[in-house]
Amino acid sequence: MKSFWLAALVSLLTLGMSGSVLATGEGDRHDNDQGQGHDYHQGQGNGHHHDDDDDDDHSNYECGPKCTESTQIVLKGRIPCICDISLPSATDIRLFRSRQLARGGSIDDVEVGNFSASCNTGSVYLKIASANGALKNIDVENTYINYDVDVGGIDVFKADTGGTEKSFVWMFDEGGVAVNSATMLKVKNLGAVNGKTAGRYRDVLTLTVSGMPL
């Protein structure tokens, strides 16, 4: 009888210990599950705050291949020289008047006409060319009369190379005679009538005006 009760007590003790072990194991698993869950969520949270992916930060984009290119565009154009030019309208100028020749003395200055020029270059160039380099006597060989060309009150050109063409270019600018208004050209310093060889005298003056160097 005593053996029966002893065996029953041992069985109860064994069963109780097994239940405690099972309970302890479940508790451990539960705690571990909670720990794993806690660690997992915390890890995810910490990873979110320290993530190096800057896709949402537009100011920190990195430039990859073909991200940036540049080119040069040349803007250019040209405005040509434009002038408003007025030249003397007369094509034949008579230098010697009968009345003047009759009374003798110096030959008067003769007005050729007005010219004016205004150019967008800021300068005006006047070229005066004499075909004969003087007044040539076409009736008497090797006979010439020298003369000057006055432009706006200044003796600009001297025709004094009898028989040889002569030209001269004068530039008008801010320091010279203003030619944006009417400027008179004169033939002057023809000398005295007395002593001049009779005959017909002739020369061809060519006036060229430009806003560019001639």
N, C-alpha and C. Protein backbone atom coordinates (compact mmCIF):
# COMPACT_ATOMS: atom_id res chain seq x y z
N MET A 1 0.82 -1.20 0.00
CA MET A 1 0.00 0.00 0.00
C MET A 1 0.86 1.25 0.00
N LYS A 2 1.85 1.25 0.80
CA LYS A 2 2.78 2.38 0.84
C LYS A 2 3.46 2.56 -0.49
N SER A 3 3.77 1.47 -1.16
CA SER A 3 4.43 1.55 -2.47
C SER A 3 3.53 2.22 -3.49
N PHE A 4 2.24 2.00 -3.42
CA PHE A 4 1.30 2.60 -4.35
C PHE A 4 1.27 4.11 -4.18
N TRP A 5 1.16 4.58 -2.97
CA TRP A 5 1.10 6.02 -2.74
C TRP A 5 2.42 6.71 -3.07
N LEU A 6 3.49 6.03 -2.88
CA LEU A 6 4.79 6.60 -3.23
C LEU A 6 4.91 6.77 -4.73
N ALA A 7 4.44 5.79 -5.46
CA ALA A 7 4.51 5.87 -6.92
C ALA A 7 3.61 6.98 -7.44
N ALA A 8 2.43 7.14 -6.81
CA ALA A 8 1.51 8.19 -7.24
C ALA A 8 2.10 9.57 -6.99
N LEU A 9 2.77 9.76 -5.88
CA LEU A 9 3.38 11.04 -5.54
C LEU A 9 4.49 11.40 -6.53
N VAL A 10 5.30 10.40 -6.89
CA VAL A 10 6.37 10.64 -7.86
C VAL A 10 5.79 11.05 -9.20
N SER A 11 4.68 10.40 -9.59
CA SER A 11 4.05 10.74 -10.88
C SER A 11 3.53 12.17 -10.87
N LEU A 12 2.91 12.59 -9.78
CA LEU A 12 2.39 13.96 -9.68
C LEU A 12 3.51 14.99 -9.75
N LEU A 13 4.61 14.68 -9.04
CA LEU A 13 5.74 15.62 -9.07
C LEU A 13 6.32 15.75 -10.48
N THR A 14 6.42 14.59 -11.14
CA THR A 14 6.96 14.60 -12.51
C THR A 14 6.07 15.39 -13.45
N LEU A 15 4.75 15.22 -13.33
CA LEU A 15 3.80 15.94 -14.17
C LEU A 15 3.85 17.45 -13.91
N GLY A 16 4.00 17.82 -12.66
CA GLY A 16 4.06 19.24 -12.32
C GLY A 16 5.30 19.91 -12.87
N MET A 17 6.43 19.23 -12.82
CA MET A 17 7.66 19.81 -13.35
C MET A 17 7.58 19.99 -14.86
N SER A 18 6.95 19.02 -15.54
CA SER A 18 6.81 19.14 -17.00
C SER A 18 5.95 20.33 -17.36
N GLY A 19 4.87 20.54 -16.62
CA GLY A 19 4.01 21.70 -16.89
C GLY A 19 4.73 23.00 -16.69
N SER A 20 5.58 23.05 -15.64
CA SER A 20 6.33 24.29 -15.40
C SER A 20 7.29 24.57 -16.53
N VAL A 21 7.92 23.49 -17.02
CA VAL A 21 8.86 23.67 -18.12
C VAL A 21 8.16 24.17 -19.36
N LEU A 22 6.98 23.55 -19.64
CA LEU A 22 6.22 23.98 -20.81
C LEU A 22 5.78 25.43 -20.67
N ALA A 23 5.31 25.77 -19.51
CA ALA A 23 4.86 27.15 -19.28
C ALA A 23 6.01 28.13 -19.43
N THR A 24 7.16 27.72 -18.84
CA THR A 24 8.33 28.60 -18.95
C THR A 24 8.76 28.76 -20.39
N GLY A 25 8.71 27.72 -21.18
CA GLY A 25 9.10 27.79 -22.59
C GLY A 25 8.20 28.70 -23.37
N GLU A 26 6.89 28.62 -23.14
CA GLU A 26 5.96 29.50 -23.84
C GLU A 26 6.19 30.96 -23.46
N GLY A 27 6.45 31.13 -22.19
CA GLY A 27 6.72 32.51 -21.75
C GLY A 27 7.95 33.06 -22.40
N ASP A 28 8.96 32.15 -22.50
CA ASP A 28 10.18 32.64 -23.14
C ASP A 28 9.94 32.99 -24.60
N ARG A 29 9.18 32.12 -25.25
CA ARG A 29 8.90 32.41 -26.64
C ARG A 29 8.10 33.69 -26.79
N HIS A 30 7.17 33.89 -25.90
CA HIS A 30 6.37 35.10 -25.95
C HIS A 30 7.24 36.34 -25.75
N ASP A 31 8.13 36.20 -24.72
CA ASP A 31 9.02 37.35 -24.49
C ASP A 31 9.93 37.59 -25.67
N ASN A 32 10.42 36.45 -26.24
CA ASN A 32 11.30 36.61 -27.39
C ASN A 32 10.57 37.21 -28.57
N ASP A 33 9.31 36.78 -28.76
CA ASP A 33 8.54 37.34 -29.86
C ASP A 33 8.36 38.84 -29.67
N GLN A 34 8.05 39.20 -28.40
CA GLN A 34 7.91 40.63 -28.15
C GLN A 34 9.23 41.36 -28.37
N GLY A 35 10.30 40.73 -27.95
CA GLY A 35 11.61 41.36 -28.13
C GLY A 35 11.96 41.50 -29.59
N GLN A 36 11.64 40.39 -30.33
CA GLN A 36 11.93 40.48 -31.75
C GLN A 36 11.09 41.56 -32.42
N GLY A 37 9.84 41.60 -32.04
CA GLY A 37 8.98 42.62 -32.63
C GLY A 37 9.45 44.01 -32.26
N HIS A 38 9.83 44.15 -31.00
CA HIS A 38 10.31 45.45 -30.55
C HIS A 38 11.58 45.85 -31.29
N ASP A 39 12.50 44.85 -31.36
CA ASP A 39 13.75 45.16 -32.06
C ASP A 39 13.50 45.44 -33.52
N TYR A 40 12.59 44.74 -34.15
CA TYR A 40 12.31 44.90 -35.57
C TYR A 40 11.76 46.28 -35.87
N HIS A 41 10.75 46.64 -35.09
CA HIS A 41 10.14 47.95 -35.34
C HIS A 41 11.11 49.08 -35.02
N GLN A 42 11.84 48.89 -33.95
CA GLN A 42 12.80 49.94 -33.60
C GLN A 42 13.88 50.06 -34.66
N GLY A 43 14.31 48.89 -35.15
CA GLY A 43 15.33 48.91 -36.20
C GLY A 43 14.83 49.61 -37.45
N GLN A 44 13.58 49.34 -37.83
CA GLN A 44 13.00 49.98 -38.99
C GLN A 44 12.90 51.48 -38.77
N GLY A 45 12.50 51.84 -37.56
CA GLY A 45 12.37 53.27 -37.27
C GLY A 45 13.71 53.97 -37.35
N ASN A 46 14.71 53.38 -36.72
CA ASN A 46 16.04 53.99 -36.75
C ASN A 46 16.59 54.04 -38.17
N GLY A 47 16.34 53.01 -38.96
CA GLY A 47 16.80 52.99 -40.34
C GLY A 47 16.16 54.10 -41.15
N HIS A 48 14.91 54.43 -40.89
CA HIS A 48 14.21 55.48 -41.63
C HIS A 48 14.84 56.84 -41.36
N HIS A 49 15.26 57.09 -40.13
CA HIS A 49 15.84 58.39 -39.79
C HIS A 49 17.25 58.54 -40.30
N HIS A 50 17.98 57.45 -40.52
CA HIS A 50 19.36 57.53 -40.97
C HIS A 50 19.54 57.03 -42.39
N ASP A 51 18.47 56.97 -43.16
CA ASP A 51 18.53 56.49 -44.54
C ASP A 51 19.31 57.49 -45.41
N ASP A 52 20.27 57.00 -46.20
CA ASP A 52 21.07 57.85 -47.08
C ASP A 52 20.42 58.10 -48.42
N ASP A 53 19.26 57.55 -48.67
CA ASP A 53 18.56 57.75 -49.94
C ASP A 53 17.92 59.13 -49.94
N ASP A 54 18.43 60.06 -50.83
CA ASP A 54 17.96 61.45 -50.85
C ASP A 54 17.02 61.72 -52.00
N ASP A 55 16.26 60.72 -52.43
CA ASP A 55 15.37 60.91 -53.57
C ASP A 55 14.37 62.03 -53.35
N ASP A 56 13.98 62.23 -52.09
CA ASP A 56 12.98 63.25 -51.81
C ASP A 56 13.60 64.62 -51.58
N ASP A 57 14.94 64.69 -51.57
CA ASP A 57 15.62 65.97 -51.33
C ASP A 57 16.17 66.48 -52.66
N HIS A 58 15.42 67.38 -53.33
CA HIS A 58 15.80 67.83 -54.68
C HIS A 58 17.08 68.65 -54.68
N SER A 59 17.43 69.25 -53.55
CA SER A 59 18.61 70.09 -53.51
C SER A 59 19.89 69.27 -53.47
N ASN A 60 19.79 67.97 -53.22
CA ASN A 60 20.98 67.14 -53.09
C ASN A 60 21.12 66.13 -54.21
N TYR A 61 20.46 66.39 -55.36
CA TYR A 61 20.60 65.48 -56.49
C TYR A 61 22.05 65.50 -56.97
N GLU A 62 22.54 64.37 -57.35
CA GLU A 62 23.86 64.28 -57.95
C GLU A 62 23.73 64.28 -59.47
N CYS A 63 24.71 64.89 -60.15
CA CYS A 63 24.68 65.00 -61.61
C CYS A 63 25.37 63.79 -62.22
N GLY A 64 24.61 63.03 -62.97
CA GLY A 64 25.16 61.87 -63.65
C GLY A 64 25.55 62.21 -65.08
N PRO A 65 25.90 61.18 -65.87
CA PRO A 65 26.27 61.42 -67.28
C PRO A 65 25.15 62.12 -68.04
N LYS A 66 25.53 63.12 -68.87
CA LYS A 66 24.59 63.89 -69.68
C LYS A 66 23.57 64.66 -68.84
N CYS A 67 23.93 64.92 -67.59
CA CYS A 67 23.02 65.69 -66.73
C CYS A 67 23.09 67.17 -67.07
N THR A 68 24.28 67.64 -67.47
CA THR A 68 24.46 69.06 -67.78
C THR A 68 25.25 69.22 -69.08
N GLU A 69 24.76 70.07 -69.96
CA GLU A 69 25.48 70.41 -71.19
C GLU A 69 25.34 71.91 -71.42
N SER A 70 26.25 72.48 -72.21
CA SER A 70 26.19 73.91 -72.52
C SER A 70 26.59 74.13 -73.97
N THR A 71 26.20 75.27 -74.49
CA THR A 71 26.57 75.65 -75.85
C THR A 71 26.70 77.15 -75.91
N GLN A 72 27.40 77.65 -76.91
CA GLN A 72 27.57 79.09 -77.12
C GLN A 72 26.83 79.51 -78.38
N ILE A 73 26.09 80.59 -78.28
CA ILE A 73 25.34 81.13 -79.41
C ILE A 73 25.85 82.54 -79.67
N VAL A 74 26.38 82.77 -80.85
CA VAL A 74 26.94 84.08 -81.22
C VAL A 74 25.83 84.92 -81.85
N LEU A 75 25.58 86.06 -81.24
CA LEU A 75 24.61 87.01 -81.77
C LEU A 75 25.38 88.11 -82.51
N LYS A 76 25.10 88.30 -83.76
CA LYS A 76 25.87 89.29 -84.52
C LYS A 76 25.03 89.90 -85.63
N GLY A 77 25.53 91.00 -86.14
CA GLY A 77 24.87 91.70 -87.24
C GLY A 77 25.74 92.86 -87.67
N ARG A 78 25.42 93.44 -88.78
CA ARG A 78 26.23 94.56 -89.29
C ARG A 78 25.31 95.64 -89.83
N ILE A 79 25.59 96.87 -89.39
CA ILE A 79 24.88 98.03 -89.92
C ILE A 79 25.82 98.70 -90.92
N PRO A 80 25.43 98.83 -92.16
CA PRO A 80 26.32 99.41 -93.16
C PRO A 80 26.46 100.92 -93.00
N CYS A 81 27.46 101.47 -93.66
CA CYS A 81 27.62 102.92 -93.70
C CYS A 81 26.47 103.53 -94.49
N ILE A 82 25.80 104.47 -93.85
CA ILE A 82 24.68 105.16 -94.49
C ILE A 82 24.93 106.66 -94.37
N CYS A 83 24.84 107.36 -95.49
CA CYS A 83 25.09 108.81 -95.50
C CYS A 83 23.94 109.54 -96.18
N ASP A 84 23.77 110.76 -95.75
CA ASP A 84 22.87 111.69 -96.42
C ASP A 84 23.77 112.74 -97.08
N ILE A 85 23.93 112.65 -98.39
CA ILE A 85 24.91 113.47 -99.11
C ILE A 85 24.22 114.36 -100.13
N SER A 86 24.66 115.60 -100.17
CA SER A 86 24.19 116.55 -101.19
C SER A 86 25.41 117.18 -101.85
N LEU A 87 25.49 117.06 -103.18
CA LEU A 87 26.62 117.59 -103.93
C LEU A 87 26.18 118.77 -104.80
N PRO A 88 27.13 119.62 -105.22
CA PRO A 88 26.77 120.74 -106.11
C PRO A 88 26.05 120.23 -107.36
N SER A 89 25.02 120.95 -107.74
CA SER A 89 24.22 120.53 -108.90
C SER A 89 24.83 121.00 -110.22
N ALA A 90 25.65 122.04 -110.18
CA ALA A 90 26.23 122.58 -111.42
C ALA A 90 27.26 121.62 -111.99
N THR A 91 27.26 121.47 -113.30
CA THR A 91 28.24 120.61 -113.96
C THR A 91 29.25 121.41 -114.79
N ASP A 92 28.94 122.66 -115.05
CA ASP A 92 29.86 123.54 -115.78
C ASP A 92 29.94 124.87 -115.05
N ILE A 93 31.14 125.28 -114.70
CA ILE A 93 31.35 126.54 -114.00
C ILE A 93 32.22 127.45 -114.89
N ARG A 94 31.69 128.63 -115.17
CA ARG A 94 32.45 129.61 -115.98
C ARG A 94 33.29 130.46 -115.04
N LEU A 95 34.60 130.43 -115.24
CA LEU A 95 35.51 131.12 -114.33
C LEU A 95 35.79 132.56 -114.74
N PHE A 96 35.85 132.86 -116.02
CA PHE A 96 36.26 134.19 -116.47
C PHE A 96 35.06 134.92 -117.07
N ARG A 97 34.79 136.06 -116.50
CA ARG A 97 33.70 136.89 -116.99
C ARG A 97 34.27 137.99 -117.90
N SER A 98 33.54 138.30 -118.94
CA SER A 98 34.03 139.32 -119.90
C SER A 98 34.27 140.64 -119.22
N ARG A 99 33.34 141.07 -118.36
CA ARG A 99 33.48 142.37 -117.70
C ARG A 99 34.70 142.38 -116.81
N GLN A 100 34.91 141.26 -116.13
CA GLN A 100 36.06 141.16 -115.24
C GLN A 100 37.36 141.20 -116.03
N LEU A 101 37.38 140.51 -117.14
CA LEU A 101 38.60 140.49 -117.96
C LEU A 101 38.91 141.87 -118.53
N ALA A 102 37.85 142.63 -118.80
CA ALA A 102 38.03 143.95 -119.40
C ALA A 102 38.66 144.93 -118.42
N ARG A 103 38.30 144.84 -117.17
CA ARG A 103 38.83 145.81 -116.20
C ARG A 103 40.17 145.40 -115.62
N GLY A 104 40.58 144.14 -115.87
CA GLY A 104 41.88 143.71 -115.36
C GLY A 104 41.84 143.40 -113.88
N GLY A 105 43.03 143.29 -113.28
CA GLY A 105 43.12 142.98 -111.87
C GLY A 105 43.02 141.49 -111.61
N SER A 106 42.81 141.15 -110.36
CA SER A 106 42.73 139.74 -109.96
C SER A 106 41.39 139.13 -110.37
N ILE A 107 41.45 137.87 -110.68
CA ILE A 107 40.22 137.15 -111.03
C ILE A 107 39.48 136.80 -109.75
N ASP A 108 38.20 137.08 -109.73
CA ASP A 108 37.41 136.85 -108.52
C ASP A 108 37.30 135.35 -108.20
N ASP A 109 37.09 135.09 -106.90
CA ASP A 109 36.78 133.72 -106.49
C ASP A 109 35.45 133.31 -107.12
N VAL A 110 35.33 132.07 -107.46
CA VAL A 110 34.12 131.57 -108.12
C VAL A 110 33.51 130.46 -107.27
N GLU A 111 32.24 130.64 -106.95
CA GLU A 111 31.55 129.61 -106.16
C GLU A 111 31.18 128.43 -107.05
N VAL A 112 31.55 127.24 -106.59
CA VAL A 112 31.22 126.01 -107.32
C VAL A 112 29.86 125.48 -106.90
N GLY A 113 29.54 125.62 -105.63
CA GLY A 113 28.26 125.14 -105.11
C GLY A 113 28.41 124.57 -103.72
N ASN A 114 27.27 124.26 -103.12
CA ASN A 114 27.25 123.72 -101.76
C ASN A 114 27.26 122.19 -101.77
N PHE A 115 27.85 121.65 -100.75
CA PHE A 115 27.72 120.21 -100.51
C PHE A 115 27.55 119.99 -99.01
N SER A 116 26.94 118.89 -98.67
CA SER A 116 26.77 118.54 -97.26
C SER A 116 26.77 117.02 -97.16
N ALA A 117 27.10 116.54 -95.99
CA ALA A 117 27.12 115.09 -95.77
C ALA A 117 26.99 114.80 -94.29
N SER A 118 26.22 113.79 -93.99
CA SER A 118 26.08 113.31 -92.62
C SER A 118 26.05 111.79 -92.68
N CYS A 119 27.00 111.15 -91.98
CA CYS A 119 27.14 109.69 -92.06
C CYS A 119 27.10 109.07 -90.67
N ASN A 120 26.60 107.84 -90.60
CA ASN A 120 26.50 107.16 -89.31
C ASN A 120 27.83 106.59 -88.84
N THR A 121 28.91 106.85 -89.59
CA THR A 121 30.24 106.43 -89.15
C THR A 121 30.91 107.46 -88.25
N GLY A 122 30.33 108.66 -88.21
CA GLY A 122 30.92 109.73 -87.40
C GLY A 122 31.94 110.56 -88.14
N SER A 123 32.31 110.15 -89.34
CA SER A 123 33.29 110.90 -90.14
C SER A 123 32.81 111.02 -91.57
N VAL A 124 33.28 112.06 -92.24
CA VAL A 124 32.97 112.28 -93.65
C VAL A 124 34.28 112.51 -94.39
N TYR A 125 34.47 111.80 -95.49
CA TYR A 125 35.68 111.94 -96.29
C TYR A 125 35.34 112.60 -97.62
N LEU A 126 36.11 113.62 -97.96
CA LEU A 126 35.94 114.33 -99.23
C LEU A 126 37.21 114.17 -100.06
N LYS A 127 37.03 113.60 -101.24
CA LYS A 127 38.16 113.47 -102.16
C LYS A 127 37.97 114.44 -103.31
N ILE A 128 39.00 115.26 -103.53
CA ILE A 128 39.00 116.20 -104.64
C ILE A 128 40.10 115.77 -105.61
N ALA A 129 39.72 115.58 -106.85
CA ALA A 129 40.69 115.15 -107.86
C ALA A 129 40.64 116.09 -109.05
N SER A 130 41.82 116.53 -109.49
CA SER A 130 41.95 117.40 -110.67
C SER A 130 42.56 116.58 -111.81
N ALA A 131 41.84 116.53 -112.93
CA ALA A 131 42.30 115.72 -114.06
C ALA A 131 43.60 116.25 -114.65
N ASN A 132 43.76 117.57 -114.67
CA ASN A 132 44.94 118.18 -115.28
C ASN A 132 45.93 118.74 -114.27
N GLY A 133 45.56 118.73 -112.99
CA GLY A 133 46.44 119.29 -111.98
C GLY A 133 46.52 120.80 -112.04
N ALA A 134 45.67 121.44 -112.84
CA ALA A 134 45.60 122.89 -113.02
C ALA A 134 44.61 123.16 -114.14
N LEU A 135 44.37 124.45 -114.42
CA LEU A 135 43.59 124.80 -115.61
C LEU A 135 44.52 124.70 -116.82
N LYS A 136 44.16 123.87 -117.75
CA LYS A 136 45.01 123.64 -118.92
C LYS A 136 44.50 124.43 -120.12
N ASN A 137 45.40 125.13 -120.79
CA ASN A 137 45.06 125.84 -122.03
C ASN A 137 45.04 124.82 -123.16
N ILE A 138 43.83 124.56 -123.67
CA ILE A 138 43.71 123.52 -124.70
C ILE A 138 44.05 124.06 -126.10
N ASP A 139 44.32 125.35 -126.18
CA ASP A 139 44.72 125.94 -127.47
C ASP A 139 46.23 126.14 -127.56
N VAL A 140 46.86 126.32 -126.42
CA VAL A 140 48.30 126.56 -126.39
C VAL A 140 48.95 125.47 -125.54
N GLU A 141 49.84 124.75 -126.12
CA GLU A 141 50.45 123.61 -125.43
C GLU A 141 51.27 124.06 -124.23
N ASN A 142 51.22 123.22 -123.19
CA ASN A 142 52.01 123.43 -121.96
C ASN A 142 51.75 124.78 -121.31
N THR A 143 50.50 125.18 -121.31
CA THR A 143 50.12 126.43 -120.66
C THR A 143 49.05 126.12 -119.61
N TYR A 144 49.33 126.56 -118.36
CA TYR A 144 48.44 126.21 -117.25
C TYR A 144 48.24 127.40 -116.33
N ILE A 145 47.12 127.37 -115.60
CA ILE A 145 46.85 128.34 -114.54
C ILE A 145 46.54 127.54 -113.27
N ASN A 146 47.34 127.78 -112.23
CA ASN A 146 47.09 127.10 -110.96
C ASN A 146 45.89 127.72 -110.24
N TYR A 147 45.29 126.96 -109.35
CA TYR A 147 44.16 127.47 -108.55
C TYR A 147 44.03 126.63 -107.28
N ASP A 148 43.26 127.15 -106.34
CA ASP A 148 42.97 126.46 -105.08
C ASP A 148 41.48 126.16 -104.99
N VAL A 149 41.16 125.15 -104.18
CA VAL A 149 39.76 124.84 -103.86
C VAL A 149 39.55 125.12 -102.38
N ASP A 150 38.60 125.99 -102.12
CA ASP A 150 38.24 126.38 -100.75
C ASP A 150 36.99 125.60 -100.33
N VAL A 151 37.08 125.00 -99.16
CA VAL A 151 35.93 124.25 -98.61
C VAL A 151 35.57 124.86 -97.26
N GLY A 152 34.41 125.50 -97.22
CA GLY A 152 33.96 126.08 -95.96
C GLY A 152 34.91 127.10 -95.38
N GLY A 153 35.62 127.84 -96.24
CA GLY A 153 36.53 128.88 -95.77
C GLY A 153 37.96 128.41 -95.56
N ILE A 154 38.25 127.16 -95.89
CA ILE A 154 39.60 126.62 -95.72
C ILE A 154 40.14 126.18 -97.08
N ASP A 155 41.37 126.61 -97.39
CA ASP A 155 42.01 126.16 -98.63
C ASP A 155 42.43 124.70 -98.46
N VAL A 156 41.65 123.82 -99.06
CA VAL A 156 41.86 122.39 -98.87
C VAL A 156 42.74 121.78 -99.96
N PHE A 157 42.61 122.27 -101.17
CA PHE A 157 43.26 121.60 -102.30
C PHE A 157 43.94 122.62 -103.20
N LYS A 158 45.16 122.31 -103.63
CA LYS A 158 45.91 123.17 -104.54
C LYS A 158 46.15 122.42 -105.85
N ALA A 159 45.58 122.94 -106.92
CA ALA A 159 45.82 122.38 -108.25
C ALA A 159 47.04 123.08 -108.84
N ASP A 160 48.20 122.47 -108.65
CA ASP A 160 49.45 123.14 -109.03
C ASP A 160 50.45 122.18 -109.66
N THR A 161 49.95 121.11 -110.25
CA THR A 161 50.84 120.14 -110.90
C THR A 161 50.52 120.10 -112.39
N GLY A 162 50.65 121.24 -113.06
CA GLY A 162 50.23 121.38 -114.45
C GLY A 162 50.51 120.17 -115.32
N GLY A 163 49.46 119.58 -115.86
CA GLY A 163 49.59 118.44 -116.75
C GLY A 163 49.56 117.09 -116.07
N THR A 164 49.61 117.06 -114.76
CA THR A 164 49.61 115.78 -114.01
C THR A 164 48.41 115.74 -113.08
N GLU A 165 47.68 114.65 -113.15
CA GLU A 165 46.50 114.51 -112.29
C GLU A 165 46.89 114.59 -110.82
N LYS A 166 46.05 115.22 -110.05
CA LYS A 166 46.32 115.37 -108.62
C LYS A 166 45.03 115.17 -107.84
N SER A 167 45.16 114.54 -106.68
CA SER A 167 43.98 114.34 -105.82
C SER A 167 44.38 114.48 -104.36
N PHE A 168 43.38 114.73 -103.56
CA PHE A 168 43.60 114.90 -102.13
C PHE A 168 42.35 114.47 -101.39
N VAL A 169 42.54 113.78 -100.26
CA VAL A 169 41.41 113.34 -99.44
C VAL A 169 41.47 114.09 -98.12
N TRP A 170 40.35 114.68 -97.77
CA TRP A 170 40.25 115.42 -96.52
C TRP A 170 39.16 114.79 -95.68
N MET A 171 39.45 114.58 -94.39
CA MET A 171 38.47 113.99 -93.50
C MET A 171 37.85 115.06 -92.61
N PHE A 172 36.55 115.08 -92.58
CA PHE A 172 35.82 115.97 -91.68
C PHE A 172 35.40 115.15 -90.47
N ASP A 173 35.69 115.67 -89.30
CA ASP A 173 35.20 115.02 -88.08
C ASP A 173 34.85 116.10 -87.09
N GLU A 174 34.81 115.73 -85.81
CA GLU A 174 34.40 116.71 -84.81
C GLU A 174 35.35 117.90 -84.74
N GLY A 175 36.61 117.70 -85.12
CA GLY A 175 37.57 118.80 -85.03
C GLY A 175 37.70 119.60 -86.30
N GLY A 176 36.97 119.21 -87.36
CA GLY A 176 37.09 119.90 -88.63
C GLY A 176 35.87 120.74 -88.93
N VAL A 177 35.78 121.14 -90.17
CA VAL A 177 34.64 121.94 -90.62
C VAL A 177 33.38 121.08 -90.59
N ALA A 178 32.30 121.64 -90.07
CA ALA A 178 31.04 120.90 -90.04
C ALA A 178 30.47 120.82 -91.45
N VAL A 179 30.15 119.62 -91.88
CA VAL A 179 29.62 119.45 -93.24
C VAL A 179 28.23 118.84 -93.22
N ASN A 180 27.62 118.79 -92.03
CA ASN A 180 26.25 118.27 -91.98
C ASN A 180 25.24 119.33 -92.38
N SER A 181 25.73 120.52 -92.71
CA SER A 181 24.89 121.57 -93.29
C SER A 181 25.60 122.08 -94.54
N ALA A 182 24.93 122.93 -95.29
CA ALA A 182 25.49 123.40 -96.57
C ALA A 182 26.87 124.02 -96.39
N THR A 183 27.83 123.50 -97.14
CA THR A 183 29.21 124.00 -97.09
C THR A 183 29.61 124.42 -98.50
N MET A 184 30.07 125.65 -98.63
CA MET A 184 30.37 126.20 -99.95
C MET A 184 31.77 125.78 -100.43
N LEU A 185 31.83 125.39 -101.68
CA LEU A 185 33.11 125.13 -102.35
C LEU A 185 33.38 126.28 -103.32
N LYS A 186 34.62 126.74 -103.31
CA LYS A 186 35.01 127.84 -104.19
C LYS A 186 36.31 127.52 -104.92
N VAL A 187 36.43 128.05 -106.13
CA VAL A 187 37.70 128.05 -106.85
C VAL A 187 38.29 129.45 -106.68
N LYS A 188 39.50 129.52 -106.18
CA LYS A 188 40.08 130.82 -105.85
C LYS A 188 41.57 130.86 -106.18
N ASN A 189 42.13 132.07 -105.96
CA ASN A 189 43.57 132.30 -106.19
C ASN A 189 43.98 131.98 -107.63
N LEU A 190 43.16 132.47 -108.56
CA LEU A 190 43.48 132.29 -109.98
C LEU A 190 44.53 133.30 -110.48
N GLY A 191 44.80 134.28 -109.65
CA GLY A 191 45.81 135.26 -110.02
C GLY A 191 45.23 136.40 -110.84
N ALA A 192 46.12 137.20 -111.40
CA ALA A 192 45.72 138.39 -112.16
C ALA A 192 45.46 138.03 -113.61
N VAL A 193 44.58 138.84 -114.22
CA VAL A 193 44.27 138.63 -115.65
C VAL A 193 45.49 138.98 -116.50
N ASN A 194 46.12 140.07 -116.13
CA ASN A 194 47.28 140.52 -116.90
C ASN A 194 48.37 139.43 -116.90
N GLY A 195 48.90 139.17 -118.05
CA GLY A 195 49.96 138.18 -118.17
C GLY A 195 49.47 136.79 -118.50
N LYS A 196 48.15 136.56 -118.47
CA LYS A 196 47.62 135.24 -118.80
C LYS A 196 47.58 135.06 -120.33
N THR A 197 47.97 133.90 -120.78
CA THR A 197 47.94 133.59 -122.21
C THR A 197 46.51 133.37 -122.67
N ALA A 198 46.20 133.97 -123.79
CA ALA A 198 44.85 133.82 -124.33
C ALA A 198 44.59 132.36 -124.72
N GLY A 199 43.33 131.98 -124.66
CA GLY A 199 42.96 130.62 -125.05
C GLY A 199 41.87 130.07 -124.14
N ARG A 200 41.45 128.87 -124.47
CA ARG A 200 40.41 128.21 -123.67
C ARG A 200 41.08 127.31 -122.62
N TYR A 201 40.65 127.51 -121.38
CA TYR A 201 41.22 126.74 -120.27
C TYR A 201 40.18 125.74 -119.75
N ARG A 202 40.72 124.62 -119.31
CA ARG A 202 39.79 123.57 -118.87
C ARG A 202 40.45 122.65 -117.84
N ASP A 203 39.64 122.24 -116.88
CA ASP A 203 40.04 121.18 -115.94
C ASP A 203 38.76 120.47 -115.49
N VAL A 204 38.89 119.26 -115.07
CA VAL A 204 37.74 118.50 -114.56
C VAL A 204 38.00 118.17 -113.09
N LEU A 205 37.14 118.72 -112.23
CA LEU A 205 37.21 118.41 -110.81
C LEU A 205 36.22 117.29 -110.49
N THR A 206 36.69 116.30 -109.78
CA THR A 206 35.81 115.22 -109.33
C THR A 206 35.73 115.26 -107.81
N LEU A 207 34.51 115.40 -107.30
CA LEU A 207 34.27 115.41 -105.86
C LEU A 207 33.65 114.07 -105.46
N THR A 208 34.26 113.42 -104.50
CA THR A 208 33.73 112.15 -103.98
C THR A 208 33.57 112.28 -102.48
N VAL A 209 32.38 112.00 -101.99
CA VAL A 209 32.09 112.10 -100.56
C VAL A 209 31.69 110.72 -100.06
N SER A 210 32.23 110.34 -98.91
CA SER A 210 31.93 109.02 -98.35
C SER A 210 32.02 109.06 -96.83
N GLY A 211 31.34 108.14 -96.21
CA GLY A 211 31.46 107.97 -94.76
C GLY A 211 32.56 107.00 -94.39
N MET A 212 33.21 106.41 -95.40
CA MET A 212 34.31 105.47 -95.20
C MET A 212 35.58 106.05 -95.81
N PRO A 213 36.75 105.64 -95.33
CA PRO A 213 38.00 106.16 -95.90
C PRO A 213 38.08 105.92 -97.40
N LEU A 214 38.56 106.90 -98.11
CA LEU A 214 38.70 106.81 -99.57
C LEU A 214 40.16 106.57 -99.96
